[in-house]
Amino acid sequence: MVSALVVAAVSIAALHALAPDHWVPFAALARAERWSAARTASVTALCGAGHVTASVIIGLLGAAFGIGLFEAFGAALEGIAPYVLIGFGLAYATWGAGRIVRARWHRRMHEAGEPHHHLEHQAASTRALFLLFCADPCVAVIPLMFGALSTGWAAALAVVAAYEVATIATMIALVLPARAATSAVRGGWVDRFGDVVAGAVIAVVGVVVGMTGL
């Protein structure tokens, strides 16, 4: 039974991570902020871990207080997640547009302070993505975890670990090639409006996920 649940966890996690909101935002930000492959993978892994761990916490609270209530809570969070993604994308695009305007009017001052401000912005983007993914739990892992709990905590931990590893591995496997492809496009308006484009792409992904329920 445990092995079947582990296989199911890997399969469901991989399919779930194919949804565009699990990898397109990372590829878009990696291109806009010129992240290395290592940084892109580490940020993706961090957010993927938060995504699954939040679901596990909801499941454990469900075990203590009633699974129905917390499954409904998790589903409600999933429902608002696309709107949070849209908001993040629009905010990022707005920041990018403001950066262009500031560069036009205060070019010398902006260039002098660019490394410091850019590093601060990268850290803020990473924190925002992590919080966004923690607020968007994957409730599919909860019934798998409860099915394994009937066998024991070791089985439940094996299922959770399999789900988390499969989720993160699939996200990274999709993000890195997308990052490489987008990073190869350089020059002209792509570099100039990269932040605006990245924010717009993230917002569009939120709209698509909200409309299709992916």
N, C-alpha and C. Protein backbone atom coordinates (compact mmCIF):
# COMPACT_ATOMS: atom_id res chain seq x y z
N MET A 1 0.83 -1.21 0.00
CA MET A 1 0.00 0.00 0.00
C MET A 1 0.87 1.27 0.00
N VAL A 2 1.92 1.25 0.84
CA VAL A 2 2.77 2.43 0.95
C VAL A 2 3.45 2.71 -0.38
N SER A 3 3.96 1.67 -1.03
CA SER A 3 4.65 1.88 -2.30
C SER A 3 3.69 2.44 -3.34
N ALA A 4 2.44 1.98 -3.33
CA ALA A 4 1.44 2.49 -4.27
C ALA A 4 1.16 3.97 -4.00
N LEU A 5 1.08 4.34 -2.73
CA LEU A 5 0.85 5.73 -2.39
C LEU A 5 2.03 6.61 -2.77
N VAL A 6 3.25 6.10 -2.63
CA VAL A 6 4.44 6.85 -3.02
C VAL A 6 4.45 7.09 -4.53
N VAL A 7 4.13 6.05 -5.29
CA VAL A 7 4.05 6.19 -6.75
C VAL A 7 2.97 7.20 -7.13
N ALA A 8 1.83 7.12 -6.46
CA ALA A 8 0.75 8.07 -6.72
C ALA A 8 1.18 9.49 -6.38
N ALA A 9 1.91 9.64 -5.26
CA ALA A 9 2.38 10.96 -4.85
C ALA A 9 3.32 11.55 -5.89
N VAL A 10 4.24 10.75 -6.40
CA VAL A 10 5.18 11.22 -7.42
C VAL A 10 4.45 11.62 -8.69
N SER A 11 3.50 10.78 -9.11
CA SER A 11 2.77 11.04 -10.35
C SER A 11 1.91 12.30 -10.24
N ILE A 12 1.16 12.42 -9.15
CA ILE A 12 0.28 13.59 -8.97
C ILE A 12 1.10 14.86 -8.83
N ALA A 13 2.19 14.78 -8.08
CA ALA A 13 3.03 15.96 -7.88
C ALA A 13 3.63 16.45 -9.20
N ALA A 14 4.12 15.52 -10.01
CA ALA A 14 4.72 15.89 -11.29
C ALA A 14 3.68 16.52 -12.22
N LEU A 15 2.50 15.94 -12.27
CA LEU A 15 1.44 16.49 -13.12
C LEU A 15 1.00 17.87 -12.62
N HIS A 16 0.89 17.99 -11.30
CA HIS A 16 0.46 19.26 -10.71
C HIS A 16 1.48 20.37 -11.01
N ALA A 17 2.78 20.02 -10.96
CA ALA A 17 3.83 21.02 -11.17
C ALA A 17 3.95 21.46 -12.62
N LEU A 18 3.28 20.74 -13.54
CA LEU A 18 3.30 21.15 -14.95
C LEU A 18 2.49 22.42 -15.18
N ALA A 19 1.60 22.77 -14.25
CA ALA A 19 0.79 23.97 -14.39
C ALA A 19 1.70 25.19 -14.53
N PRO A 20 1.36 26.13 -15.42
CA PRO A 20 2.28 27.25 -15.70
C PRO A 20 2.61 28.13 -14.51
N ASP A 21 1.71 28.20 -13.53
CA ASP A 21 2.01 29.06 -12.38
C ASP A 21 3.11 28.48 -11.49
N HIS A 22 3.51 27.23 -11.74
CA HIS A 22 4.56 26.61 -10.95
C HIS A 22 5.96 26.84 -11.53
N TRP A 23 6.06 27.34 -12.75
CA TRP A 23 7.40 27.52 -13.32
C TRP A 23 7.58 28.78 -14.17
N VAL A 24 6.53 29.25 -14.83
CA VAL A 24 6.66 30.43 -15.68
C VAL A 24 7.10 31.67 -14.89
N PRO A 25 6.52 31.95 -13.70
CA PRO A 25 6.99 33.13 -12.95
C PRO A 25 8.48 33.12 -12.65
N PHE A 26 9.03 31.95 -12.35
CA PHE A 26 10.46 31.85 -12.05
C PHE A 26 11.30 32.12 -13.30
N ALA A 27 10.87 31.57 -14.43
CA ALA A 27 11.60 31.81 -15.68
C ALA A 27 11.55 33.28 -16.05
N ALA A 28 10.38 33.91 -15.86
CA ALA A 28 10.23 35.33 -16.19
C ALA A 28 11.12 36.20 -15.32
N LEU A 29 11.13 35.94 -14.01
CA LEU A 29 11.96 36.74 -13.11
C LEU A 29 13.44 36.46 -13.33
N ALA A 30 13.78 35.21 -13.63
CA ALA A 30 15.18 34.88 -13.89
C ALA A 30 15.71 35.66 -15.08
N ARG A 31 14.87 35.82 -16.10
CA ARG A 31 15.27 36.61 -17.28
C ARG A 31 15.37 38.10 -16.95
N ALA A 32 14.37 38.60 -16.24
CA ALA A 32 14.34 40.03 -15.94
C ALA A 32 15.46 40.44 -14.99
N GLU A 33 15.75 39.61 -13.99
CA GLU A 33 16.73 39.98 -12.97
C GLU A 33 18.08 39.32 -13.21
N ARG A 34 18.19 38.60 -14.34
CA ARG A 34 19.45 37.98 -14.75
C ARG A 34 19.99 37.03 -13.68
N TRP A 35 19.12 36.20 -13.16
CA TRP A 35 19.56 35.19 -12.19
C TRP A 35 20.42 34.15 -12.88
N SER A 36 21.39 33.62 -12.17
CA SER A 36 22.15 32.48 -12.66
C SER A 36 21.28 31.23 -12.60
N ALA A 37 21.74 30.18 -13.26
CA ALA A 37 20.99 28.92 -13.22
C ALA A 37 20.90 28.41 -11.78
N ALA A 38 21.99 28.57 -11.02
CA ALA A 38 22.00 28.09 -9.64
C ALA A 38 21.00 28.86 -8.78
N ARG A 39 20.97 30.18 -8.93
CA ARG A 39 20.02 30.98 -8.16
C ARG A 39 18.59 30.66 -8.56
N THR A 40 18.36 30.50 -9.84
CA THR A 40 17.02 30.16 -10.32
C THR A 40 16.56 28.84 -9.71
N ALA A 41 17.43 27.85 -9.73
CA ALA A 41 17.08 26.54 -9.17
C ALA A 41 16.84 26.62 -7.67
N SER A 42 17.68 27.41 -6.96
CA SER A 42 17.53 27.48 -5.50
C SER A 42 16.24 28.21 -5.11
N VAL A 43 15.91 29.30 -5.81
CA VAL A 43 14.67 30.02 -5.52
C VAL A 43 13.46 29.14 -5.84
N THR A 44 13.53 28.44 -6.95
CA THR A 44 12.43 27.54 -7.33
C THR A 44 12.25 26.44 -6.30
N ALA A 45 13.36 25.85 -5.86
CA ALA A 45 13.29 24.79 -4.85
C ALA A 45 12.72 25.31 -3.54
N LEU A 46 13.15 26.50 -3.13
CA LEU A 46 12.66 27.10 -1.88
C LEU A 46 11.15 27.30 -1.94
N CYS A 47 10.67 27.86 -3.04
CA CYS A 47 9.24 28.12 -3.17
C CYS A 47 8.45 26.83 -3.30
N GLY A 48 9.01 25.85 -4.02
CA GLY A 48 8.34 24.55 -4.12
C GLY A 48 8.22 23.87 -2.77
N ALA A 49 9.27 23.97 -1.97
CA ALA A 49 9.22 23.39 -0.63
C ALA A 49 8.17 24.08 0.23
N GLY A 50 8.10 25.40 0.14
CA GLY A 50 7.08 26.13 0.90
C GLY A 50 5.68 25.77 0.45
N HIS A 51 5.50 25.58 -0.84
CA HIS A 51 4.22 25.22 -1.43
C HIS A 51 3.68 23.91 -0.85
N VAL A 52 4.54 22.89 -0.81
CA VAL A 52 4.11 21.57 -0.32
C VAL A 52 4.04 21.56 1.20
N THR A 53 5.01 22.18 1.86
CA THR A 53 5.04 22.17 3.33
C THR A 53 3.80 22.85 3.90
N ALA A 54 3.35 23.93 3.28
CA ALA A 54 2.12 24.58 3.75
C ALA A 54 0.94 23.62 3.68
N SER A 55 0.91 22.80 2.64
CA SER A 55 -0.17 21.82 2.52
C SER A 55 -0.09 20.76 3.61
N VAL A 56 1.12 20.33 3.92
CA VAL A 56 1.31 19.33 4.97
C VAL A 56 0.86 19.89 6.32
N ILE A 57 1.18 21.15 6.59
CA ILE A 57 0.75 21.77 7.85
C ILE A 57 -0.77 21.81 7.93
N ILE A 58 -1.42 22.16 6.80
CA ILE A 58 -2.89 22.16 6.77
C ILE A 58 -3.42 20.76 7.04
N GLY A 59 -2.76 19.75 6.45
CA GLY A 59 -3.18 18.37 6.69
C GLY A 59 -3.04 17.95 8.14
N LEU A 60 -1.94 18.35 8.78
CA LEU A 60 -1.74 18.01 10.19
C LEU A 60 -2.78 18.71 11.07
N LEU A 61 -3.10 19.96 10.75
CA LEU A 61 -4.15 20.65 11.49
C LEU A 61 -5.50 19.97 11.26
N GLY A 62 -5.67 19.46 10.04
CA GLY A 62 -6.91 18.72 9.76
C GLY A 62 -7.01 17.46 10.58
N ALA A 63 -5.87 16.78 10.79
CA ALA A 63 -5.87 15.58 11.61
C ALA A 63 -6.26 15.89 13.04
N ALA A 64 -5.90 17.08 13.49
CA ALA A 64 -6.19 17.45 14.88
C ALA A 64 -7.60 18.03 15.06
N PHE A 65 -8.08 18.77 14.06
CA PHE A 65 -9.34 19.50 14.24
C PHE A 65 -10.45 19.14 13.26
N GLY A 66 -10.16 18.24 12.35
CA GLY A 66 -11.19 17.84 11.39
C GLY A 66 -10.75 18.12 9.96
N ILE A 67 -10.59 17.08 9.19
CA ILE A 67 -10.04 17.19 7.85
C ILE A 67 -10.93 18.02 6.92
N GLY A 68 -12.23 17.92 7.08
CA GLY A 68 -13.14 18.63 6.18
C GLY A 68 -12.95 20.13 6.23
N LEU A 69 -12.81 20.66 7.45
CA LEU A 69 -12.65 22.09 7.64
C LEU A 69 -11.37 22.59 6.97
N PHE A 70 -10.27 21.87 7.17
CA PHE A 70 -9.00 22.35 6.66
C PHE A 70 -8.82 22.06 5.18
N GLU A 71 -9.49 21.02 4.65
CA GLU A 71 -9.49 20.84 3.20
C GLU A 71 -10.22 22.01 2.54
N ALA A 72 -11.31 22.44 3.17
CA ALA A 72 -12.06 23.59 2.63
C ALA A 72 -11.21 24.85 2.71
N PHE A 73 -10.46 25.01 3.80
CA PHE A 73 -9.58 26.16 3.95
C PHE A 73 -8.50 26.15 2.87
N GLY A 74 -7.90 24.98 2.63
CA GLY A 74 -6.87 24.87 1.60
C GLY A 74 -7.42 25.16 0.22
N ALA A 75 -8.63 24.66 -0.05
CA ALA A 75 -9.25 24.91 -1.35
C ALA A 75 -9.54 26.40 -1.53
N ALA A 76 -9.93 27.07 -0.44
CA ALA A 76 -10.19 28.51 -0.52
C ALA A 76 -8.91 29.28 -0.84
N LEU A 77 -7.79 28.86 -0.23
CA LEU A 77 -6.52 29.50 -0.53
C LEU A 77 -6.13 29.28 -1.99
N GLU A 78 -6.36 28.06 -2.48
CA GLU A 78 -6.07 27.79 -3.89
C GLU A 78 -6.91 28.68 -4.80
N GLY A 79 -8.13 28.98 -4.36
CA GLY A 79 -9.03 29.79 -5.18
C GLY A 79 -8.56 31.23 -5.33
N ILE A 80 -7.95 31.78 -4.27
CA ILE A 80 -7.51 33.18 -4.35
C ILE A 80 -6.08 33.31 -4.87
N ALA A 81 -5.37 32.20 -4.97
CA ALA A 81 -3.96 32.24 -5.39
C ALA A 81 -3.77 32.91 -6.76
N PRO A 82 -4.63 32.62 -7.77
CA PRO A 82 -4.43 33.29 -9.07
C PRO A 82 -4.49 34.81 -8.96
N TYR A 83 -5.36 35.32 -8.09
CA TYR A 83 -5.49 36.77 -7.94
C TYR A 83 -4.25 37.36 -7.27
N VAL A 84 -3.67 36.61 -6.34
CA VAL A 84 -2.43 37.05 -5.71
C VAL A 84 -1.31 37.08 -6.75
N LEU A 85 -1.29 36.07 -7.63
CA LEU A 85 -0.28 36.02 -8.69
C LEU A 85 -0.45 37.20 -9.65
N ILE A 86 -1.69 37.50 -9.98
CA ILE A 86 -1.97 38.66 -10.85
C ILE A 86 -1.48 39.94 -10.19
N GLY A 87 -1.79 40.09 -8.90
CA GLY A 87 -1.36 41.28 -8.17
C GLY A 87 0.15 41.41 -8.13
N PHE A 88 0.82 40.28 -7.90
CA PHE A 88 2.28 40.31 -7.87
C PHE A 88 2.84 40.72 -9.23
N GLY A 89 2.28 40.14 -10.31
CA GLY A 89 2.74 40.47 -11.65
C GLY A 89 2.55 41.94 -11.98
N LEU A 90 1.38 42.46 -11.65
CA LEU A 90 1.11 43.87 -11.93
C LEU A 90 2.01 44.79 -11.11
N ALA A 91 2.23 44.42 -9.86
CA ALA A 91 3.11 45.23 -9.01
C ALA A 91 4.54 45.22 -9.55
N TYR A 92 4.98 44.06 -10.00
CA TYR A 92 6.33 43.96 -10.55
C TYR A 92 6.46 44.76 -11.84
N ALA A 93 5.45 44.68 -12.70
CA ALA A 93 5.46 45.44 -13.95
C ALA A 93 5.45 46.95 -13.67
N THR A 94 4.69 47.36 -12.66
CA THR A 94 4.65 48.77 -12.29
C THR A 94 6.00 49.24 -11.78
N TRP A 95 6.64 48.41 -10.96
CA TRP A 95 7.99 48.73 -10.49
C TRP A 95 8.94 48.87 -11.67
N GLY A 96 8.84 47.95 -12.64
CA GLY A 96 9.71 48.01 -13.81
C GLY A 96 9.50 49.27 -14.62
N ALA A 97 8.23 49.68 -14.79
CA ALA A 97 7.93 50.91 -15.53
C ALA A 97 8.49 52.12 -14.79
N GLY A 98 8.34 52.13 -13.47
CA GLY A 98 8.88 53.23 -12.68
C GLY A 98 10.40 53.29 -12.77
N ARG A 99 11.02 52.13 -12.84
CA ARG A 99 12.48 52.08 -12.96
C ARG A 99 12.94 52.72 -14.27
N ILE A 100 12.19 52.48 -15.34
CA ILE A 100 12.53 53.09 -16.63
C ILE A 100 12.42 54.61 -16.56
N VAL A 101 11.34 55.08 -15.94
CA VAL A 101 11.12 56.53 -15.82
C VAL A 101 12.23 57.16 -14.98
N ARG A 102 12.57 56.51 -13.87
CA ARG A 102 13.63 57.05 -13.01
C ARG A 102 14.97 57.09 -13.74
N ALA A 103 15.20 56.06 -14.56
CA ALA A 103 16.46 56.01 -15.30
C ALA A 103 16.56 57.15 -16.30
N ARG A 104 15.43 57.54 -16.88
CA ARG A 104 15.43 58.64 -17.85
C ARG A 104 15.74 59.98 -17.19
N TRP A 105 15.18 60.20 -16.02
CA TRP A 105 15.30 61.50 -15.38
C TRP A 105 16.51 61.62 -14.46
N HIS A 106 16.95 60.50 -13.95
CA HIS A 106 18.07 60.55 -12.99
C HIS A 106 19.11 59.49 -13.37
N ARG A 107 19.54 59.50 -14.60
CA ARG A 107 20.40 58.43 -15.10
C ARG A 107 21.68 58.28 -14.28
N ARG A 108 22.36 59.36 -14.04
CA ARG A 108 23.62 59.24 -13.32
C ARG A 108 23.43 58.74 -11.90
N MET A 109 22.47 59.31 -11.21
CA MET A 109 22.20 58.89 -9.83
C MET A 109 21.74 57.44 -9.79
N HIS A 110 20.88 57.07 -10.75
CA HIS A 110 20.34 55.72 -10.79
C HIS A 110 21.45 54.70 -11.03
N GLU A 111 22.36 55.00 -11.96
CA GLU A 111 23.42 54.05 -12.27
C GLU A 111 24.36 53.90 -11.08
N ALA A 112 24.58 54.98 -10.34
CA ALA A 112 25.48 54.90 -9.18
C ALA A 112 24.89 54.01 -8.10
N GLY A 113 23.56 54.04 -7.95
CA GLY A 113 22.93 53.26 -6.89
C GLY A 113 22.37 51.94 -7.34
N GLU A 114 22.53 51.61 -8.63
CA GLU A 114 21.88 50.43 -9.19
C GLU A 114 22.24 49.11 -8.51
N PRO A 115 23.53 48.79 -8.27
CA PRO A 115 23.85 47.49 -7.68
C PRO A 115 23.16 47.28 -6.35
N HIS A 116 23.16 48.29 -5.49
CA HIS A 116 22.55 48.16 -4.16
C HIS A 116 21.05 47.95 -4.27
N HIS A 117 20.39 48.83 -5.07
CA HIS A 117 18.94 48.73 -5.18
C HIS A 117 18.53 47.45 -5.87
N HIS A 118 19.31 47.02 -6.87
CA HIS A 118 18.94 45.81 -7.60
C HIS A 118 19.04 44.58 -6.71
N LEU A 119 20.08 44.52 -5.87
CA LEU A 119 20.20 43.39 -4.95
C LEU A 119 19.07 43.38 -3.95
N GLU A 120 18.70 44.57 -3.45
CA GLU A 120 17.57 44.65 -2.52
C GLU A 120 16.29 44.18 -3.20
N HIS A 121 16.11 44.56 -4.45
CA HIS A 121 14.90 44.17 -5.17
C HIS A 121 14.86 42.67 -5.42
N GLN A 122 16.02 42.08 -5.74
CA GLN A 122 16.07 40.63 -5.94
C GLN A 122 15.63 39.90 -4.67
N ALA A 123 16.13 40.35 -3.52
CA ALA A 123 15.76 39.72 -2.26
C ALA A 123 14.26 39.87 -1.99
N ALA A 124 13.73 41.05 -2.30
CA ALA A 124 12.30 41.29 -2.09
C ALA A 124 11.46 40.41 -3.02
N SER A 125 11.91 40.23 -4.25
CA SER A 125 11.19 39.38 -5.19
C SER A 125 11.16 37.94 -4.71
N THR A 126 12.29 37.47 -4.19
CA THR A 126 12.38 36.10 -3.69
C THR A 126 11.44 35.90 -2.50
N ARG A 127 11.44 36.85 -1.57
CA ARG A 127 10.56 36.74 -0.41
C ARG A 127 9.10 36.76 -0.83
N ALA A 128 8.76 37.63 -1.78
CA ALA A 128 7.37 37.72 -2.23
C ALA A 128 6.93 36.42 -2.90
N LEU A 129 7.79 35.84 -3.73
CA LEU A 129 7.45 34.58 -4.38
C LEU A 129 7.27 33.46 -3.36
N PHE A 130 8.16 33.42 -2.36
CA PHE A 130 8.07 32.38 -1.34
C PHE A 130 6.75 32.49 -0.58
N LEU A 131 6.38 33.69 -0.17
CA LEU A 131 5.12 33.88 0.55
C LEU A 131 3.93 33.55 -0.34
N LEU A 132 4.03 33.90 -1.61
CA LEU A 132 2.95 33.60 -2.55
C LEU A 132 2.73 32.09 -2.66
N PHE A 133 3.82 31.34 -2.78
CA PHE A 133 3.68 29.89 -2.92
C PHE A 133 3.26 29.22 -1.61
N CYS A 134 3.66 29.78 -0.48
CA CYS A 134 3.19 29.23 0.80
C CYS A 134 1.69 29.48 0.97
N ALA A 135 1.20 30.58 0.40
CA ALA A 135 -0.23 30.90 0.50
C ALA A 135 -1.05 30.16 -0.54
N ASP A 136 -0.39 29.36 -1.37
CA ASP A 136 -1.09 28.60 -2.41
C ASP A 136 -0.82 27.11 -2.20
N PRO A 137 -1.43 26.49 -1.18
CA PRO A 137 -1.13 25.10 -0.87
C PRO A 137 -1.64 24.15 -1.95
N CYS A 138 -1.01 22.99 -1.99
CA CYS A 138 -1.43 21.94 -2.93
C CYS A 138 -2.21 20.90 -2.12
N VAL A 139 -3.53 21.02 -2.12
CA VAL A 139 -4.34 20.16 -1.26
C VAL A 139 -4.36 18.71 -1.72
N ALA A 140 -3.84 18.43 -2.92
CA ALA A 140 -3.83 17.05 -3.42
C ALA A 140 -2.98 16.13 -2.55
N VAL A 141 -1.99 16.70 -1.85
CA VAL A 141 -1.13 15.86 -1.02
C VAL A 141 -1.83 15.44 0.27
N ILE A 142 -2.86 16.15 0.68
CA ILE A 142 -3.49 15.87 1.98
C ILE A 142 -4.15 14.49 2.03
N PRO A 143 -5.01 14.11 1.06
CA PRO A 143 -5.58 12.77 1.13
C PRO A 143 -4.54 11.66 1.02
N LEU A 144 -3.48 11.90 0.25
CA LEU A 144 -2.41 10.91 0.17
C LEU A 144 -1.73 10.73 1.52
N MET A 145 -1.51 11.84 2.21
CA MET A 145 -0.88 11.78 3.52
C MET A 145 -1.77 11.05 4.52
N PHE A 146 -3.08 11.32 4.45
CA PHE A 146 -3.99 10.65 5.38
C PHE A 146 -4.11 9.17 5.08
N GLY A 147 -4.05 8.82 3.78
CA GLY A 147 -4.07 7.40 3.43
C GLY A 147 -2.87 6.67 3.98
N ALA A 148 -1.71 7.34 3.97
CA ALA A 148 -0.50 6.71 4.48
C ALA A 148 -0.48 6.68 6.00
N LEU A 149 -1.15 7.63 6.65
CA LEU A 149 -1.16 7.68 8.12
C LEU A 149 -1.78 6.44 8.74
N SER A 150 -2.68 5.80 8.00
CA SER A 150 -3.30 4.57 8.52
C SER A 150 -2.26 3.46 8.70
N THR A 151 -1.15 3.58 7.99
CA THR A 151 -0.06 2.61 8.11
C THR A 151 0.97 3.03 9.14
N GLY A 152 1.06 4.34 9.37
CA GLY A 152 2.02 4.83 10.35
C GLY A 152 2.66 6.13 9.89
N TRP A 153 3.33 6.80 10.83
CA TRP A 153 3.94 8.08 10.52
C TRP A 153 5.08 7.95 9.52
N ALA A 154 5.80 6.84 9.56
CA ALA A 154 6.91 6.64 8.63
C ALA A 154 6.39 6.62 7.19
N ALA A 155 5.26 5.94 7.00
CA ALA A 155 4.67 5.88 5.65
C ALA A 155 4.20 7.27 5.21
N ALA A 156 3.60 8.01 6.13
CA ALA A 156 3.13 9.36 5.79
C ALA A 156 4.30 10.26 5.41
N LEU A 157 5.40 10.17 6.16
CA LEU A 157 6.58 10.96 5.85
C LEU A 157 7.17 10.59 4.50
N ALA A 158 7.14 9.29 4.17
CA ALA A 158 7.64 8.83 2.87
C ALA A 158 6.81 9.41 1.73
N VAL A 159 5.50 9.43 1.91
CA VAL A 159 4.61 9.98 0.88
C VAL A 159 4.84 11.48 0.72
N VAL A 160 4.94 12.19 1.84
CA VAL A 160 5.17 13.64 1.79
C VAL A 160 6.51 13.95 1.13
N ALA A 161 7.55 13.20 1.51
CA ALA A 161 8.88 13.42 0.93
C ALA A 161 8.86 13.16 -0.58
N ALA A 162 8.19 12.10 -1.00
CA ALA A 162 8.11 11.79 -2.42
C ALA A 162 7.37 12.89 -3.17
N TYR A 163 6.30 13.38 -2.58
CA TYR A 163 5.52 14.45 -3.22
C TYR A 163 6.34 15.73 -3.34
N GLU A 164 7.06 16.05 -2.26
CA GLU A 164 7.84 17.29 -2.25
C GLU A 164 9.00 17.21 -3.25
N VAL A 165 9.71 16.09 -3.26
CA VAL A 165 10.85 15.94 -4.18
C VAL A 165 10.37 15.97 -5.63
N ALA A 166 9.27 15.28 -5.91
CA ALA A 166 8.75 15.25 -7.29
C ALA A 166 8.29 16.64 -7.73
N THR A 167 7.65 17.37 -6.83
CA THR A 167 7.21 18.73 -7.15
C THR A 167 8.39 19.63 -7.48
N ILE A 168 9.37 19.65 -6.61
CA ILE A 168 10.53 20.51 -6.80
C ILE A 168 11.32 20.11 -8.04
N ALA A 169 11.51 18.80 -8.23
CA ALA A 169 12.29 18.33 -9.39
C ALA A 169 11.60 18.71 -10.69
N THR A 170 10.29 18.58 -10.74
CA THR A 170 9.56 18.92 -11.96
C THR A 170 9.61 20.42 -12.22
N MET A 171 9.44 21.22 -11.18
CA MET A 171 9.52 22.67 -11.34
C MET A 171 10.88 23.09 -11.88
N ILE A 172 11.95 22.56 -11.30
CA ILE A 172 13.30 22.92 -11.74
C ILE A 172 13.55 22.44 -13.16
N ALA A 173 13.07 21.23 -13.47
CA ALA A 173 13.26 20.68 -14.82
C ALA A 173 12.59 21.53 -15.88
N LEU A 174 11.51 22.22 -15.51
CA LEU A 174 10.83 23.10 -16.46
C LEU A 174 11.42 24.51 -16.46
N VAL A 175 11.81 24.98 -15.29
CA VAL A 175 12.28 26.36 -15.17
C VAL A 175 13.63 26.57 -15.85
N LEU A 176 14.57 25.67 -15.64
CA LEU A 176 15.93 25.90 -16.16
C LEU A 176 15.99 26.00 -17.69
N PRO A 177 15.33 25.11 -18.44
CA PRO A 177 15.35 25.28 -19.90
C PRO A 177 14.64 26.57 -20.33
N ALA A 178 13.53 26.91 -19.63
CA ALA A 178 12.82 28.15 -19.97
C ALA A 178 13.70 29.36 -19.68
N ARG A 179 14.44 29.33 -18.58
CA ARG A 179 15.36 30.42 -18.27
C ARG A 179 16.43 30.53 -19.34
N ALA A 180 17.00 29.40 -19.75
CA ALA A 180 18.06 29.42 -20.76
C ALA A 180 17.53 29.98 -22.08
N ALA A 181 16.32 29.60 -22.45
CA ALA A 181 15.75 30.07 -23.71
C ALA A 181 15.48 31.57 -23.68
N THR A 182 14.89 32.05 -22.58
CA THR A 182 14.58 33.49 -22.50
C THR A 182 15.83 34.33 -22.32
N SER A 183 16.84 33.81 -21.63
CA SER A 183 18.07 34.56 -21.41
C SER A 183 18.87 34.72 -22.69
N ALA A 184 18.62 33.84 -23.66
CA ALA A 184 19.34 33.92 -24.94
C ALA A 184 18.86 35.11 -25.77
N VAL A 185 17.67 35.61 -25.44
CA VAL A 185 17.12 36.76 -26.18
C VAL A 185 17.58 38.03 -25.48
N ARG A 186 18.44 38.80 -26.13
CA ARG A 186 18.99 39.99 -25.50
C ARG A 186 18.99 41.17 -26.46
N GLY A 187 19.12 42.37 -25.86
CA GLY A 187 19.26 43.57 -26.66
C GLY A 187 17.94 44.28 -26.90
N GLY A 188 18.05 45.54 -27.25
CA GLY A 188 16.88 46.31 -27.65
C GLY A 188 15.85 46.44 -26.55
N TRP A 189 14.58 46.39 -26.97
CA TRP A 189 13.48 46.62 -26.05
C TRP A 189 13.35 45.51 -25.02
N VAL A 190 13.89 44.31 -25.32
CA VAL A 190 13.78 43.19 -24.38
C VAL A 190 14.52 43.50 -23.10
N ASP A 191 15.73 44.04 -23.23
CA ASP A 191 16.48 44.42 -22.03
C ASP A 191 15.89 45.65 -21.36
N ARG A 192 15.44 46.59 -22.17
CA ARG A 192 14.93 47.84 -21.62
C ARG A 192 13.64 47.63 -20.84
N PHE A 193 12.75 46.83 -21.39
CA PHE A 193 11.44 46.62 -20.77
C PHE A 193 11.31 45.23 -20.14
N GLY A 194 12.43 44.60 -19.81
CA GLY A 194 12.41 43.24 -19.30
C GLY A 194 11.56 43.07 -18.05
N ASP A 195 11.66 44.01 -17.10
CA ASP A 195 10.89 43.91 -15.86
C ASP A 195 9.39 44.05 -16.13
N VAL A 196 9.03 44.97 -17.01
CA VAL A 196 7.61 45.16 -17.34
C VAL A 196 7.06 43.91 -18.02
N VAL A 197 7.83 43.36 -18.95
CA VAL A 197 7.38 42.14 -19.65
C VAL A 197 7.24 40.99 -18.67
N ALA A 198 8.22 40.84 -17.77
CA ALA A 198 8.16 39.75 -16.79
C ALA A 198 6.92 39.87 -15.92
N GLY A 199 6.64 41.07 -15.43
CA GLY A 199 5.45 41.28 -14.61
C GLY A 199 4.18 40.98 -15.38
N ALA A 200 4.14 41.41 -16.66
CA ALA A 200 2.95 41.16 -17.48
C ALA A 200 2.75 39.67 -17.71
N VAL A 201 3.84 38.96 -17.95
CA VAL A 201 3.75 37.50 -18.17
C VAL A 201 3.21 36.81 -16.92
N ILE A 202 3.71 37.20 -15.75
CA ILE A 202 3.24 36.60 -14.50
C ILE A 202 1.76 36.88 -14.29
N ALA A 203 1.34 38.12 -14.56
CA ALA A 203 -0.08 38.46 -14.42
C ALA A 203 -0.94 37.65 -15.38
N VAL A 204 -0.48 37.47 -16.62
CA VAL A 204 -1.24 36.69 -17.60
C VAL A 204 -1.36 35.24 -17.14
N VAL A 205 -0.27 34.70 -16.58
CA VAL A 205 -0.33 33.32 -16.06
C VAL A 205 -1.38 33.23 -14.96
N GLY A 206 -1.44 34.24 -14.08
CA GLY A 206 -2.48 34.25 -13.05
C GLY A 206 -3.87 34.26 -13.64
N VAL A 207 -4.06 35.03 -14.70
CA VAL A 207 -5.38 35.08 -15.37
C VAL A 207 -5.72 33.72 -15.96
N VAL A 208 -4.75 33.10 -16.65
CA VAL A 208 -4.99 31.79 -17.28
C VAL A 208 -5.32 30.73 -16.23
N VAL A 209 -4.57 30.72 -15.14
CA VAL A 209 -4.81 29.74 -14.08
C VAL A 209 -6.18 29.98 -13.45
N GLY A 210 -6.52 31.25 -13.22
CA GLY A 210 -7.82 31.55 -12.64
C GLY A 210 -8.98 31.15 -13.54
N MET A 211 -8.81 31.31 -14.86
CA MET A 211 -9.89 30.98 -15.79
C MET A 211 -10.02 29.49 -16.05
N THR A 212 -8.87 28.78 -16.03
CA THR A 212 -8.90 27.36 -16.36
C THR A 212 -8.91 26.45 -15.14
N GLY A 213 -8.54 27.01 -13.98
CA GLY A 213 -8.51 26.19 -12.77
C GLY A 213 -7.36 25.22 -12.73
N LEU A 214 -6.27 25.49 -13.45
CA LEU A 214 -5.11 24.60 -13.46
C LEU A 214 -4.45 24.52 -12.09
